[in-house]
Amino acid sequence: MTVQKIIEIMQLGDKKGSALKELAAYYGCDDYDLSPISDDMADRFLSRQRCDCYEPNNWFLPCCGTCLGTKEKEPCTCEGDRNKCNFYGKEK
């Protein structure tokens, strides 16, 4: 896996590397050894984490984004990460 892909994955989680830990657990890597994970595998992981319903910015609250997956287009703070979804579970 390239450094650019690692950085992209790290942006999904917190500053302590939670997204890399999730990636390792997703592919069953022992001791967080990410060497067997390719860029294609990382892309598959990333596509499962991003929400298609998220839109940056909100018309009412400037600190939030907008969830287009709700009837009223509610403000949300997930930033497109399904693991941080305000309205649905991880597998929406």
N, C-alpha and C. Protein backbone atom coordinates (compact mmCIF):
# COMPACT_ATOMS: atom_id res chain seq x y z
N MET A 1 0.85 -1.17 0.00
CA MET A 1 0.00 0.00 0.00
C MET A 1 0.90 1.24 0.00
N THR A 2 0.53 2.21 -0.81
CA THR A 2 1.34 3.42 -0.92
C THR A 2 1.10 4.36 0.26
N VAL A 3 2.02 5.27 0.45
CA VAL A 3 1.92 6.24 1.54
C VAL A 3 0.69 7.13 1.33
N GLN A 4 0.41 7.51 0.09
CA GLN A 4 -0.75 8.34 -0.20
C GLN A 4 -2.04 7.65 0.25
N LYS A 5 -2.15 6.35 0.03
CA LYS A 5 -3.33 5.59 0.41
C LYS A 5 -3.44 5.50 1.94
N ILE A 6 -2.31 5.34 2.60
CA ILE A 6 -2.30 5.31 4.07
C ILE A 6 -2.81 6.64 4.64
N ILE A 7 -2.36 7.74 4.06
CA ILE A 7 -2.80 9.06 4.51
C ILE A 7 -4.30 9.22 4.28
N GLU A 8 -4.80 8.75 3.14
CA GLU A 8 -6.22 8.84 2.84
C GLU A 8 -7.05 8.05 3.86
N ILE A 9 -6.57 6.89 4.24
CA ILE A 9 -7.27 6.08 5.23
C ILE A 9 -7.21 6.73 6.61
N MET A 10 -6.06 7.27 6.95
CA MET A 10 -5.91 7.90 8.27
C MET A 10 -6.85 9.08 8.45
N GLN A 11 -7.22 9.76 7.37
CA GLN A 11 -8.12 10.90 7.46
C GLN A 11 -9.53 10.50 7.88
N LEU A 12 -9.87 9.22 7.77
CA LEU A 12 -11.18 8.75 8.20
C LEU A 12 -11.31 8.64 9.71
N GLY A 13 -10.21 8.42 10.38
CA GLY A 13 -10.25 8.16 11.82
C GLY A 13 -9.70 9.29 12.65
N ASP A 14 -9.37 8.96 13.89
CA ASP A 14 -8.83 9.97 14.80
C ASP A 14 -7.30 10.05 14.64
N LYS A 15 -6.68 10.89 15.46
CA LYS A 15 -5.24 11.11 15.36
C LYS A 15 -4.40 9.95 15.91
N LYS A 16 -5.06 8.97 16.50
CA LYS A 16 -4.35 7.84 17.08
C LYS A 16 -4.33 6.63 16.15
N GLY A 17 -4.78 6.80 14.91
CA GLY A 17 -4.71 5.72 13.94
C GLY A 17 -5.85 4.73 13.97
N SER A 18 -7.02 5.18 14.42
CA SER A 18 -8.16 4.27 14.54
C SER A 18 -8.58 3.69 13.19
N ALA A 19 -8.47 4.48 12.12
CA ALA A 19 -8.86 3.98 10.79
C ALA A 19 -7.91 2.88 10.31
N LEU A 20 -6.63 3.01 10.62
CA LEU A 20 -5.68 1.95 10.25
C LEU A 20 -5.95 0.69 11.05
N LYS A 21 -6.34 0.84 12.31
CA LYS A 21 -6.70 -0.32 13.11
C LYS A 21 -7.93 -1.01 12.55
N GLU A 22 -8.91 -0.22 12.10
CA GLU A 22 -10.11 -0.78 11.49
C GLU A 22 -9.77 -1.51 10.19
N LEU A 23 -8.87 -0.94 9.41
CA LEU A 23 -8.43 -1.57 8.16
C LEU A 23 -7.76 -2.92 8.45
N ALA A 24 -6.89 -2.94 9.45
CA ALA A 24 -6.21 -4.18 9.82
C ALA A 24 -7.21 -5.22 10.30
N ALA A 25 -8.19 -4.81 11.09
CA ALA A 25 -9.20 -5.74 11.57
C ALA A 25 -10.09 -6.23 10.43
N TYR A 26 -10.40 -5.35 9.50
CA TYR A 26 -11.26 -5.68 8.36
C TYR A 26 -10.65 -6.80 7.52
N TYR A 27 -9.33 -6.74 7.34
CA TYR A 27 -8.64 -7.76 6.54
C TYR A 27 -7.97 -8.84 7.40
N GLY A 28 -8.17 -8.79 8.70
CA GLY A 28 -7.65 -9.83 9.58
C GLY A 28 -6.13 -9.85 9.68
N CYS A 29 -5.50 -8.70 9.67
CA CYS A 29 -4.03 -8.61 9.77
C CYS A 29 -3.61 -8.76 11.23
N ASP A 30 -2.69 -9.65 11.48
CA ASP A 30 -2.17 -9.86 12.83
C ASP A 30 -1.19 -8.75 13.19
N ASP A 31 -1.23 -8.31 14.42
CA ASP A 31 -0.30 -7.30 14.95
C ASP A 31 -0.26 -6.03 14.11
N TYR A 32 -1.38 -5.70 13.46
CA TYR A 32 -1.50 -4.49 12.64
C TYR A 32 -0.46 -4.42 11.53
N ASP A 33 -0.07 -5.56 10.99
CA ASP A 33 0.86 -5.62 9.87
C ASP A 33 0.07 -5.34 8.59
N LEU A 34 0.25 -4.16 8.01
CA LEU A 34 -0.50 -3.75 6.83
C LEU A 34 0.19 -4.09 5.52
N SER A 35 1.33 -4.77 5.57
CA SER A 35 2.09 -5.05 4.35
C SER A 35 1.34 -5.89 3.32
N PRO A 36 0.45 -6.83 3.70
CA PRO A 36 -0.25 -7.59 2.67
C PRO A 36 -1.40 -6.84 1.99
N ILE A 37 -1.70 -5.64 2.44
CA ILE A 37 -2.84 -4.89 1.90
C ILE A 37 -2.37 -4.04 0.72
N SER A 38 -3.02 -4.24 -0.42
CA SER A 38 -2.68 -3.48 -1.63
C SER A 38 -3.54 -2.21 -1.71
N ASP A 39 -3.23 -1.35 -2.68
CA ASP A 39 -4.03 -0.15 -2.89
C ASP A 39 -5.46 -0.50 -3.27
N ASP A 40 -5.64 -1.54 -4.07
CA ASP A 40 -6.98 -1.96 -4.45
C ASP A 40 -7.80 -2.40 -3.24
N MET A 41 -7.16 -3.13 -2.34
CA MET A 41 -7.83 -3.57 -1.12
C MET A 41 -8.20 -2.35 -0.26
N ALA A 42 -7.29 -1.38 -0.19
CA ALA A 42 -7.55 -0.16 0.57
C ALA A 42 -8.70 0.62 -0.04
N ASP A 43 -8.77 0.66 -1.38
CA ASP A 43 -9.87 1.35 -2.04
C ASP A 43 -11.21 0.69 -1.73
N ARG A 44 -11.24 -0.63 -1.68
CA ARG A 44 -12.47 -1.34 -1.32
C ARG A 44 -12.90 -0.98 0.10
N PHE A 45 -11.93 -0.92 1.01
CA PHE A 45 -12.23 -0.53 2.39
C PHE A 45 -12.76 0.90 2.43
N LEU A 46 -12.12 1.80 1.71
CA LEU A 46 -12.54 3.20 1.69
C LEU A 46 -13.94 3.36 1.13
N SER A 47 -14.27 2.63 0.08
CA SER A 47 -15.59 2.76 -0.53
C SER A 47 -16.69 2.30 0.43
N ARG A 48 -16.39 1.37 1.32
CA ARG A 48 -17.37 0.91 2.30
C ARG A 48 -17.54 1.92 3.42
N GLN A 49 -16.57 2.78 3.64
CA GLN A 49 -16.62 3.73 4.75
C GLN A 49 -17.28 5.06 4.37
N ARG A 50 -17.24 5.43 3.12
CA ARG A 50 -17.78 6.72 2.70
C ARG A 50 -19.27 6.64 2.44
N CYS A 51 -19.97 7.67 2.83
CA CYS A 51 -21.42 7.74 2.66
C CYS A 51 -21.75 8.61 1.45
N ASP A 52 -22.59 8.09 0.59
CA ASP A 52 -23.00 8.84 -0.60
C ASP A 52 -24.02 9.92 -0.28
N CYS A 53 -24.60 9.86 0.89
CA CYS A 53 -25.65 10.81 1.28
C CYS A 53 -25.10 12.10 1.87
N TYR A 54 -23.82 12.16 2.14
CA TYR A 54 -23.23 13.34 2.81
C TYR A 54 -22.93 14.44 1.80
N GLU A 55 -23.23 15.65 2.20
CA GLU A 55 -22.89 16.82 1.41
C GLU A 55 -22.25 17.84 2.34
N PRO A 56 -21.07 18.34 2.01
CA PRO A 56 -20.43 19.34 2.88
C PRO A 56 -21.29 20.60 2.97
N ASN A 57 -21.19 21.27 4.07
CA ASN A 57 -21.90 22.52 4.34
C ASN A 57 -23.39 22.26 4.57
N ASN A 58 -23.98 23.14 5.34
CA ASN A 58 -25.40 23.05 5.65
C ASN A 58 -25.98 24.45 5.52
N TRP A 59 -27.18 24.52 5.01
CA TRP A 59 -27.82 25.82 4.77
C TRP A 59 -28.15 26.55 6.07
N PHE A 60 -28.30 25.80 7.17
CA PHE A 60 -28.72 26.40 8.44
C PHE A 60 -27.59 26.49 9.46
N LEU A 61 -26.80 25.42 9.60
CA LEU A 61 -25.70 25.38 10.56
C LEU A 61 -24.37 25.32 9.83
N PRO A 62 -23.60 26.40 9.87
CA PRO A 62 -22.34 26.42 9.12
C PRO A 62 -21.29 25.43 9.64
N CYS A 63 -21.46 24.91 10.85
CA CYS A 63 -20.48 23.99 11.42
C CYS A 63 -20.72 22.54 10.99
N CYS A 64 -21.81 22.28 10.28
CA CYS A 64 -22.21 20.91 9.93
C CYS A 64 -22.29 20.72 8.43
N GLY A 65 -22.39 19.45 8.05
CA GLY A 65 -22.71 19.10 6.68
C GLY A 65 -24.19 18.78 6.60
N THR A 66 -24.62 18.20 5.48
CA THR A 66 -26.01 17.85 5.29
C THR A 66 -26.14 16.38 4.93
N CYS A 67 -27.06 15.69 5.58
CA CYS A 67 -27.36 14.31 5.24
C CYS A 67 -28.52 14.30 4.26
N LEU A 68 -28.26 13.88 3.03
CA LEU A 68 -29.30 13.83 2.02
C LEU A 68 -30.11 12.54 2.09
N GLY A 69 -29.73 11.66 3.03
CA GLY A 69 -30.42 10.40 3.20
C GLY A 69 -31.61 10.48 4.13
N THR A 70 -31.86 11.64 4.69
CA THR A 70 -33.03 11.83 5.54
C THR A 70 -34.07 12.64 4.78
N LYS A 71 -35.31 12.51 5.19
CA LYS A 71 -36.41 13.17 4.49
C LYS A 71 -36.25 14.70 4.50
N GLU A 72 -35.82 15.23 5.62
CA GLU A 72 -35.72 16.68 5.77
C GLU A 72 -34.32 17.25 5.49
N LYS A 73 -33.40 16.44 4.98
CA LYS A 73 -32.02 16.88 4.73
C LYS A 73 -31.43 17.51 5.99
N GLU A 74 -31.27 16.67 7.00
CA GLU A 74 -30.85 17.10 8.33
C GLU A 74 -29.37 17.49 8.37
N PRO A 75 -29.01 18.41 9.29
CA PRO A 75 -27.60 18.71 9.53
C PRO A 75 -26.92 17.49 10.15
N CYS A 76 -25.68 17.22 9.78
CA CYS A 76 -24.95 16.09 10.36
C CYS A 76 -23.47 16.44 10.51
N THR A 77 -22.81 15.69 11.37
CA THR A 77 -21.39 15.93 11.64
C THR A 77 -20.52 14.75 11.26
N CYS A 78 -21.03 13.84 10.46
CA CYS A 78 -20.29 12.60 10.13
C CYS A 78 -19.14 12.83 9.15
N GLU A 79 -19.18 13.92 8.40
CA GLU A 79 -18.18 14.23 7.38
C GLU A 79 -18.05 13.13 6.34
N GLY A 80 -19.14 12.41 6.09
CA GLY A 80 -19.15 11.36 5.08
C GLY A 80 -18.63 10.02 5.53
N ASP A 81 -18.27 9.88 6.79
CA ASP A 81 -17.76 8.62 7.34
C ASP A 81 -18.93 7.84 7.94
N ARG A 82 -19.24 6.68 7.39
CA ARG A 82 -20.37 5.88 7.86
C ARG A 82 -20.22 5.45 9.32
N ASN A 83 -18.99 5.35 9.79
CA ASN A 83 -18.77 4.96 11.18
C ASN A 83 -19.18 6.05 12.16
N LYS A 84 -19.32 7.28 11.67
CA LYS A 84 -19.70 8.40 12.53
C LYS A 84 -21.10 8.92 12.21
N CYS A 85 -21.89 8.12 11.51
CA CYS A 85 -23.21 8.55 11.05
C CYS A 85 -24.11 8.95 12.22
N ASN A 86 -24.78 10.09 12.05
CA ASN A 86 -25.70 10.59 13.07
C ASN A 86 -27.07 9.92 13.02
N PHE A 87 -27.42 9.30 11.90
CA PHE A 87 -28.79 8.82 11.71
C PHE A 87 -28.91 7.32 11.47
N TYR A 88 -27.92 6.70 10.84
CA TYR A 88 -28.02 5.30 10.48
C TYR A 88 -26.83 4.52 11.02
N GLY A 89 -26.88 3.20 10.93
CA GLY A 89 -25.77 2.36 11.35
C GLY A 89 -24.67 2.35 10.30
N LYS A 90 -23.64 1.57 10.57
CA LYS A 90 -22.48 1.49 9.66
C LYS A 90 -22.84 0.94 8.29
N GLU A 91 -23.82 0.06 8.22
CA GLU A 91 -24.12 -0.61 6.96
C GLU A 91 -25.30 0.00 6.22
N LYS A 92 -25.53 1.31 6.35
CA LYS A 92 -26.65 1.97 5.67
C LYS A 92 -26.52 1.76 4.18
